C-alpha cells in the first residue's frame, strides 16, 4: 500500500529551507474566502501574486464578483511581504473544452480532476513566464477538494514548466475554519457552489431535496 503523503508537513519543510529568503510565489486563487487563510499563512514567507484564473465559473458576472472580492480583501489586509493580484480574462471555452464528455459526472469526480489540471497547468505556465520561484493553489483548503490530486497535478505541471511546486493541504491545522472566520470579519461574498454550472445545478438540487425533506417533517408533525 502506498504511503500517504502529509502535504502540510512537506510544505513546512520547504518553508524551513527558505528561512531568511523571500521567494516569489504565484498563488492560484479560486475565491477570496478560500484565499484569506492561505495568504495569512504564507505572506510572511513569500512575496505573493494572487493569480485569479477560474474559467470554470458559470457566468461573467460571477467571475467578476469573485475577482473583485479577492482584490478588495488583499487591499484591506496588511501583510509582512508584498501581495498583489493578477486577474486573467474570463475564458469559459477553455473549461468546457477540458471537461467535454464529463458533464454528467458528479462533483468530485473526473470532471473536477480535469478542471484542477486546467487551472494548475495555467498557473505553472504563468509562474514560469513571470520568473516566480514557486507556485501553488488555494484549492486544497476546501474539505471537498482532493489534496492528493491537486499535489500530483501540481508536481506534473512543475516538471513540465520547470518551476517549483509548493506542496500544500491548507485545510490542515483548522485552515478551513480560520478562512470562514476571516471571511466573516471582512464580509466577504461566499458562494454556495464551486463555480461551474454543473456544481451549481447539484447545489440547487440538494437545496430542493433539503427543503422537501423539511416540509415533509413539518407535515408529519
C-alpha atoms as a PDB file:
ATOM      1  CA  UNK A   1       0.000   0.000   0.000  1.00  0.00           C
ATOM      2  CA  UNK A   2       1.431   3.434  -0.961  1.00  0.00           C
ATOM      3  CA  UNK A   3       2.444   5.680   1.906  1.00  0.00           C
ATOM      4  CA  UNK A   4       0.032   8.596   2.271  1.00  0.00           C
ATOM      5  CA  UNK A   5       1.865  11.901   1.981  1.00  0.00           C
ATOM      6  CA  UNK A   6       1.227  14.643   4.541  1.00  0.00           C
ATOM      7  CA  UNK A   7       1.409  17.660   2.248  1.00  0.00           C
ATOM      8  CA  UNK A   8       1.195  20.108   5.138  1.00  0.00           C
ATOM      9  CA  UNK A   9       4.419  18.671   6.550  1.00  0.00           C
ATOM     10  CA  UNK A  10       6.015  18.759   3.104  1.00  0.00           C
ATOM     11  CA  UNK A  11       5.183  22.445   2.825  1.00  0.00           C
ATOM     12  CA  UNK A  12       6.647  23.136   6.258  1.00  0.00           C
ATOM     13  CA  UNK A  13       9.909  21.540   5.121  1.00  0.00           C
ATOM     14  CA  UNK A  14      10.067  23.977   2.206  1.00  0.00           C
ATOM     15  CA  UNK A  15       9.338  26.938   4.461  1.00  0.00           C
ATOM     16  CA  UNK A  16      12.136  25.939   6.824  1.00  0.00           C
ATOM     17  CA  UNK A  17      14.551  25.521   3.915  1.00  0.00           C
ATOM     18  CA  UNK A  18      13.700  29.041   2.691  1.00  0.00           C
ATOM     19  CA  UNK A  19      14.105  30.757   6.072  1.00  0.00           C
ATOM     20  CA  UNK A  20      15.951  34.042   5.595  1.00  0.00           C
ATOM     21  CA  UNK A  21      14.813  34.292   1.974  1.00  0.00           C
ATOM     22  CA  UNK A  22      11.710  35.830   0.437  1.00  0.00           C
ATOM     23  CA  UNK A  23      10.945  33.765  -2.676  1.00  0.00           C
ATOM     24  CA  UNK A  24       8.276  34.848  -5.146  1.00  0.00           C
ATOM     25  CA  UNK A  25       5.131  32.728  -5.110  1.00  0.00           C
ATOM     26  CA  UNK A  26       2.359  32.616  -7.697  1.00  0.00           C
ATOM     27  CA  UNK A  27      -0.719  31.598  -5.707  1.00  0.00           C
ATOM     28  CA  UNK A  28      -3.635  30.384  -7.800  1.00  0.00           C
ATOM     29  CA  UNK A  29      -6.751  31.679  -6.010  1.00  0.00           C
ATOM     30  CA  UNK A  30     -10.237  30.311  -6.504  1.00  0.00           C
ATOM     31  CA  UNK A  31     -12.019  32.985  -4.428  1.00  0.00           C
ATOM     32  CA  UNK A  32     -11.478  35.476  -1.612  1.00  0.00           C
ATOM     33  CA  UNK A  33     -12.782  33.330   1.296  1.00  0.00           C
ATOM     34  CA  UNK A  34     -10.504  30.401   0.424  1.00  0.00           C
ATOM     35  CA  UNK A  35      -7.574  32.743  -0.207  1.00  0.00           C
ATOM     36  CA  UNK A  36      -7.896  34.551   3.122  1.00  0.00           C
ATOM     37  CA  UNK A  37      -6.222  31.994   5.374  1.00  0.00           C
ATOM     38  CA  UNK A  38      -3.722  30.932   2.718  1.00  0.00           C
ATOM     39  CA  UNK A  39      -2.491  34.496   2.264  1.00  0.00           C
ATOM     40  CA  UNK A  40      -2.386  34.979   6.024  1.00  0.00           C
ATOM     41  CA  UNK A  41      -0.244  31.889   6.481  1.00  0.00           C
ATOM     42  CA  UNK A  42       2.134  32.382   3.525  1.00  0.00           C
ATOM     43  CA  UNK A  43       2.683  36.137   3.265  1.00  0.00           C
ATOM     44  CA  UNK A  44       5.358  36.098   5.960  1.00  0.00           C
ATOM     45  CA  UNK A  45       7.363  33.617   3.869  1.00  0.00           C
ATOM     46  CA  UNK A  46       6.832  34.788   0.279  1.00  0.00           C
ATOM     47  CA  UNK A  47       6.223  37.804  -1.922  1.00  0.00           C
ATOM     48  CA  UNK A  48       2.911  36.691  -3.419  1.00  0.00           C
ATOM     49  CA  UNK A  49       0.920  37.272  -6.565  1.00  0.00           C
ATOM     50  CA  UNK A  50      -2.675  36.134  -6.125  1.00  0.00           C
ATOM     51  CA  UNK A  51      -3.443  34.635  -9.523  1.00  0.00           C
ATOM     52  CA  UNK A  52      -7.147  34.627 -10.350  1.00  0.00           C
ATOM     53  CA  UNK A  53      -7.787  32.197 -13.186  1.00  0.00           C
ATOM     54  CA  UNK A  54     -11.027  30.207 -12.956  1.00  0.00           C
ATOM     55  CA  UNK A  55     -12.630  29.616 -16.360  1.00  0.00           C
ATOM     56  CA  UNK A  56     -14.924  27.043 -14.750  1.00  0.00           C
ATOM     57  CA  UNK A  57     -17.104  29.780 -13.234  1.00  0.00           C
ATOM     58  CA  UNK A  58     -20.526  29.733 -14.833  1.00  0.00           C
ATOM     59  CA  UNK A  59     -21.102  33.396 -15.724  1.00  0.00           C
ATOM     60  CA  UNK A  60     -19.057  36.503 -16.428  1.00  0.00           C
ATOM     61  CA  UNK A  61     -20.917  38.300 -13.629  1.00  0.00           C
ATOM     62  CA  UNK A  62     -19.988  35.654 -11.057  1.00  0.00           C
ATOM     63  CA  UNK A  63     -16.403  35.662 -12.311  1.00  0.00           C
ATOM     64  CA  UNK A  64     -16.144  39.426 -11.904  1.00  0.00           C
ATOM     65  CA  UNK A  65     -17.749  39.373  -8.461  1.00  0.00           C
ATOM     66  CA  UNK A  66     -15.311  36.795  -7.102  1.00  0.00           C
ATOM     67  CA  UNK A  67     -12.371  38.627  -8.653  1.00  0.00           C
ATOM     68  CA  UNK A  68     -13.477  41.932  -7.106  1.00  0.00           C
ATOM     69  CA  UNK A  69     -13.826  40.348  -3.665  1.00  0.00           C
ATOM     70  CA  UNK A  70     -10.322  38.923  -3.894  1.00  0.00           C
ATOM     71  CA  UNK A  71      -8.945  42.331  -4.827  1.00  0.00           C
ATOM     72  CA  UNK A  72     -10.847  44.016  -2.018  1.00  0.00           C
ATOM     73  CA  UNK A  73      -9.599  41.542   0.565  1.00  0.00           C
ATOM     74  CA  UNK A  74      -5.971  41.992  -0.479  1.00  0.00           C
ATOM     75  CA  UNK A  75      -6.319  45.788  -0.381  1.00  0.00           C
ATOM     76  CA  UNK A  76      -7.863  45.693   3.098  1.00  0.00           C
ATOM     77  CA  UNK A  77      -5.171  43.480   4.605  1.00  0.00           C
ATOM     78  CA  UNK A  78      -1.656  44.377   5.714  1.00  0.00           C
ATOM     79  CA  UNK A  79       0.959  41.692   5.021  1.00  0.00           C
ATOM     80  CA  UNK A  80       4.573  41.308   6.023  1.00  0.00           C
ATOM     81  CA  UNK A  81       5.647  40.936   2.388  1.00  0.00           C
ATOM     82  CA  UNK A  82       4.149  42.338  -0.824  1.00  0.00           C
ATOM     83  CA  UNK A  83       0.925  40.796  -2.138  1.00  0.00           C
ATOM     84  CA  UNK A  84      -0.574  41.790  -5.476  1.00  0.00           C
ATOM     85  CA  UNK A  85      -3.356  40.427  -7.672  1.00  0.00           C
ATOM     86  CA  UNK A  86      -3.213  39.165 -11.252  1.00  0.00           C
ATOM     87  CA  UNK A  87      -6.680  38.657 -12.680  1.00  0.00           C
ATOM     88  CA  UNK A  88      -6.954  36.911 -16.031  1.00  0.00           C
ATOM     89  CA  UNK A  89      -9.764  37.464 -18.513  1.00  0.00           C
ATOM     90  CA  UNK A  90     -12.815  35.230 -18.322  1.00  0.00           C
ATOM     91  CA  UNK A  91     -12.347  32.285 -20.693  1.00  0.00           C
ATOM     92  CA  UNK A  92     -15.123  29.711 -20.179  1.00  0.00           C
ATOM     93  CA  UNK A  93     -14.457  27.992 -23.514  1.00  0.00           C
ATOM     94  CA  UNK A  94     -11.231  26.513 -22.145  1.00  0.00           C
ATOM     95  CA  UNK A  95     -13.151  24.890 -19.286  1.00  0.00           C
ATOM     96  CA  UNK A  96     -15.878  23.391 -21.478  1.00  0.00           C
ATOM     97  CA  UNK A  97     -13.233  22.009 -23.814  1.00  0.00           C
ATOM     98  CA  UNK A  98     -11.316  20.450 -20.909  1.00  0.00           C
ATOM     99  CA  UNK A  99     -14.370  18.691 -19.444  1.00  0.00           C
ATOM    100  CA  UNK A 100     -16.113  17.695 -22.664  1.00  0.00           C
ATOM    101  CA  UNK A 101     -17.778  14.312 -22.205  1.00  0.00           C
ATOM    102  CA  UNK A 102     -17.654  14.594 -18.402  1.00  0.00           C
ATOM    103  CA  UNK A 103     -20.605  16.917 -17.940  1.00  0.00           C
ATOM    104  CA  UNK A 104     -22.746  14.324 -16.121  1.00  0.00           C
ATOM    105  CA  UNK A 105     -20.026  13.107 -13.772  1.00  0.00           C
ATOM    106  CA  UNK A 106     -20.896  14.017 -10.144  1.00  0.00           C
ATOM    107  CA  UNK A 107     -18.894  16.736  -8.438  1.00  0.00           C
ATOM    108  CA  UNK A 108     -15.640  15.425  -7.001  1.00  0.00           C
ATOM    109  CA  UNK A 109     -15.012  13.036  -9.891  1.00  0.00           C
ATOM    110  CA  UNK A 110     -13.182  13.076 -13.211  1.00  0.00           C
ATOM    111  CA  UNK A 111     -14.637  16.419 -14.311  1.00  0.00           C
ATOM    112  CA  UNK A 112     -13.158  18.139 -11.247  1.00  0.00           C
ATOM    113  CA  UNK A 113      -9.821  16.426 -11.887  1.00  0.00           C
ATOM    114  CA  UNK A 114      -9.656  17.912 -15.378  1.00  0.00           C
ATOM    115  CA  UNK A 115     -10.676  21.296 -14.008  1.00  0.00           C
ATOM    116  CA  UNK A 116      -7.834  21.120 -11.475  1.00  0.00           C
ATOM    117  CA  UNK A 117      -5.456  20.208 -14.279  1.00  0.00           C
ATOM    118  CA  UNK A 118      -6.557  23.136 -16.431  1.00  0.00           C
ATOM    119  CA  UNK A 119      -6.058  25.716 -13.692  1.00  0.00           C
ATOM    120  CA  UNK A 120      -2.833  24.321 -12.256  1.00  0.00           C
ATOM    121  CA  UNK A 121      -1.086  23.956 -15.603  1.00  0.00           C
ATOM    122  CA  UNK A 122      -2.101  27.512 -16.469  1.00  0.00           C
ATOM    123  CA  UNK A 123      -0.703  28.725 -13.132  1.00  0.00           C
ATOM    124  CA  UNK A 124       2.564  26.864 -13.752  1.00  0.00           C
ATOM    125  CA  UNK A 125       2.898  28.465 -17.177  1.00  0.00           C
ATOM    126  CA  UNK A 126       2.275  31.937 -15.767  1.00  0.00           C
ATOM    127  CA  UNK A 127       4.755  31.270 -12.964  1.00  0.00           C
ATOM    128  CA  UNK A 128       7.397  30.221 -15.471  1.00  0.00           C
ATOM    129  CA  UNK A 129       6.788  33.240 -17.693  1.00  0.00           C
ATOM    130  CA  UNK A 130       6.904  35.573 -14.697  1.00  0.00           C
ATOM    131  CA  UNK A 131      10.074  34.134 -13.206  1.00  0.00           C
ATOM    132  CA  UNK A 132       8.431  33.013  -9.962  1.00  0.00           C
ATOM    133  CA  UNK A 133      10.256  30.673  -7.602  1.00  0.00           C
ATOM    134  CA  UNK A 134       7.174  28.641  -6.630  1.00  0.00           C
ATOM    135  CA  UNK A 135       3.508  28.208  -7.452  1.00  0.00           C
ATOM    136  CA  UNK A 136       0.623  26.592  -5.598  1.00  0.00           C
ATOM    137  CA  UNK A 137      -3.165  26.865  -5.223  1.00  0.00           C
ATOM    138  CA  UNK A 138      -5.709  27.695  -2.548  1.00  0.00           C
ATOM    139  CA  UNK A 139      -7.976  24.851  -3.680  1.00  0.00           C
ATOM    140  CA  UNK A 140      -6.782  22.358  -1.070  1.00  0.00           C
ATOM    141  CA  UNK A 141      -8.306  24.440   1.731  1.00  0.00           C
ATOM    142  CA  UNK A 142     -11.742  23.118   0.814  1.00  0.00           C
ATOM    143  CA  UNK A 143     -12.878  19.923   2.574  1.00  0.00           C
ATOM    144  CA  UNK A 144     -14.439  18.972  -0.769  1.00  0.00           C
ATOM    145  CA  UNK A 145     -11.210  19.169  -2.805  1.00  0.00           C
ATOM    146  CA  UNK A 146      -8.856  16.218  -3.244  1.00  0.00           C
ATOM    147  CA  UNK A 147      -5.440  17.316  -1.952  1.00  0.00           C
ATOM    148  CA  UNK A 148      -3.700  14.258  -3.394  1.00  0.00           C
ATOM    149  CA  UNK A 149      -4.972  15.039  -6.890  1.00  0.00           C
ATOM    150  CA  UNK A 150      -4.025  18.695  -6.543  1.00  0.00           C
ATOM    151  CA  UNK A 151      -0.481  17.961  -5.391  1.00  0.00           C
ATOM    152  CA  UNK A 152       0.066  15.273  -8.009  1.00  0.00           C
ATOM    153  CA  UNK A 153      -1.108  17.570 -10.796  1.00  0.00           C
ATOM    154  CA  UNK A 154       0.869  20.471  -9.351  1.00  0.00           C
ATOM    155  CA  UNK A 155       4.047  18.429  -9.429  1.00  0.00           C
ATOM    156  CA  UNK A 156       3.366  17.309 -13.003  1.00  0.00           C
ATOM    157  CA  UNK A 157       2.872  20.937 -14.046  1.00  0.00           C
ATOM    158  CA  UNK A 158       6.051  21.919 -12.196  1.00  0.00           C
ATOM    159  CA  UNK A 159       8.049  19.354 -14.151  1.00  0.00           C
ATOM    160  CA  UNK A 160       6.600  20.485 -17.468  1.00  0.00           C
ATOM    161  CA  UNK A 161       7.162  24.205 -16.910  1.00  0.00           C
ATOM    162  CA  UNK A 162      10.339  23.994 -14.791  1.00  0.00           C
ATOM    163  CA  UNK A 163       9.034  25.953 -11.799  1.00  0.00           C
ATOM    164  CA  UNK A 164       8.846  24.626  -8.242  1.00  0.00           C
ATOM    165  CA  UNK A 165       5.547  23.421  -6.826  1.00  0.00           C
ATOM    166  CA  UNK A 166       4.811  24.288  -3.195  1.00  0.00           C
ATOM    167  CA  UNK A 167       3.097  21.199  -1.717  1.00  0.00           C
ATOM    168  CA  UNK A 168       0.112  22.032   0.427  1.00  0.00           C
ATOM    169  CA  UNK A 169      -3.041  20.897   2.149  1.00  0.00           C
ATOM    170  CA  UNK A 170      -4.380  24.118   3.574  1.00  0.00           C
ATOM    171  CA  UNK A 171      -7.369  22.519   5.279  1.00  0.00           C
ATOM    172  CA  UNK A 172      -4.939  21.072   7.825  1.00  0.00           C
ATOM    173  CA  UNK A 173      -4.477  22.832  11.188  1.00  0.00           C
ATOM    174  CA  UNK A 174      -8.021  24.243  11.038  1.00  0.00           C
ATOM    175  CA  UNK A 175      -7.245  26.199   7.871  1.00  0.00           C
ATOM    176  CA  UNK A 176     -10.788  25.984   6.530  1.00  0.00           C
ATOM    177  CA  UNK A 177     -12.245  27.047   9.887  1.00  0.00           C
ATOM    178  CA  UNK A 178      -9.906  30.043  10.022  1.00  0.00           C
ATOM    179  CA  UNK A 179     -10.893  31.009   6.475  1.00  0.00           C
ATOM    180  CA  UNK A 180     -14.563  31.180   7.499  1.00  0.00           C
ATOM    181  CA  UNK A 181     -13.658  33.469  10.409  1.00  0.00           C
ATOM    182  CA  UNK A 182     -11.661  35.807   8.154  1.00  0.00           C
ATOM    183  CA  UNK A 183     -14.417  35.819   5.543  1.00  0.00           C
ATOM    184  CA  UNK A 184     -16.947  36.835   8.183  1.00  0.00           C
ATOM    185  CA  UNK A 185     -14.673  39.558   9.577  1.00  0.00           C
ATOM    186  CA  UNK A 186     -14.254  41.105   6.118  1.00  0.00           C
ATOM    187  CA  UNK A 187     -17.837  40.500   4.980  1.00  0.00           C
ATOM    188  CA  UNK A 188     -16.623  38.512   2.005  1.00  0.00           C
ATOM    189  CA  UNK A 189     -19.063  37.130  -0.518  1.00  0.00           C
ATOM    190  CA  UNK A 190     -19.138  33.351  -0.007  1.00  0.00           C
ATOM    191  CA  UNK A 191     -20.733  31.383  -2.823  1.00  0.00           C
ATOM    192  CA  UNK A 192     -22.683  28.168  -2.131  1.00  0.00           C
ATOM    193  CA  UNK A 193     -21.313  26.224  -5.108  1.00  0.00           C
ATOM    194  CA  UNK A 194     -17.839  25.555  -6.502  1.00  0.00           C
ATOM    195  CA  UNK A 195     -18.266  27.707  -9.562  1.00  0.00           C
ATOM    196  CA  UNK A 196     -19.205  25.698 -12.631  1.00  0.00           C
ATOM    197  CA  UNK A 197     -22.735  25.349 -13.925  1.00  0.00           C
ATOM    198  CA  UNK A 198     -22.673  21.631 -13.123  1.00  0.00           C
ATOM    199  CA  UNK A 199     -21.815  22.166  -9.446  1.00  0.00           C
ATOM    200  CA  UNK A 200     -24.434  24.919  -9.293  1.00  0.00           C
ATOM    201  CA  UNK A 201     -27.120  22.551 -10.532  1.00  0.00           C
ATOM    202  CA  UNK A 202     -26.055  19.941  -7.969  1.00  0.00           C
ATOM    203  CA  UNK A 203     -26.200  22.557  -5.185  1.00  0.00           C
ATOM    204  CA  UNK A 204     -29.667  23.644  -6.296  1.00  0.00           C
ATOM    205  CA  UNK A 205     -30.831  20.027  -6.352  1.00  0.00           C
ATOM    206  CA  UNK A 206     -29.505  19.441  -2.819  1.00  0.00           C
ATOM    207  CA  UNK A 207     -31.305  22.571  -1.646  1.00  0.00           C
ATOM    208  CA  UNK A 208     -34.584  21.401  -3.183  1.00  0.00           C
ATOM    209  CA  UNK A 209     -34.228  17.966  -1.604  1.00  0.00           C
ATOM    210  CA  UNK A 210     -33.479  19.508   1.784  1.00  0.00           C
ATOM    211  CA  UNK A 211     -36.493  21.802   1.524  1.00  0.00           C
ATOM    212  CA  UNK A 212     -38.735  18.893   0.543  1.00  0.00           C
ATOM    213  CA  UNK A 213     -37.478  16.803   3.469  1.00  0.00           C
ATOM    214  CA  UNK A 214     -38.029  19.658   5.917  1.00  0.00           C
ATOM    215  CA  UNK A 215     -41.504  20.218   4.521  1.00  0.00           C
ATOM    216  CA  UNK A 216     -42.327  16.513   4.903  1.00  0.00           C
ATOM    217  CA  UNK A 217     -41.093  16.519   8.502  1.00  0.00           C
ATOM    218  CA  UNK A 218     -43.211  19.557   9.276  1.00  0.00           C
ATOM    219  CA  UNK A 219     -46.276  17.889   7.780  1.00  0.00           C
ATOM    220  CA  UNK A 220     -45.676  14.722   9.810  1.00  0.00           C
ATOM    221  CA  UNK A 221     -45.542  16.762  12.995  1.00  0.00           C
END
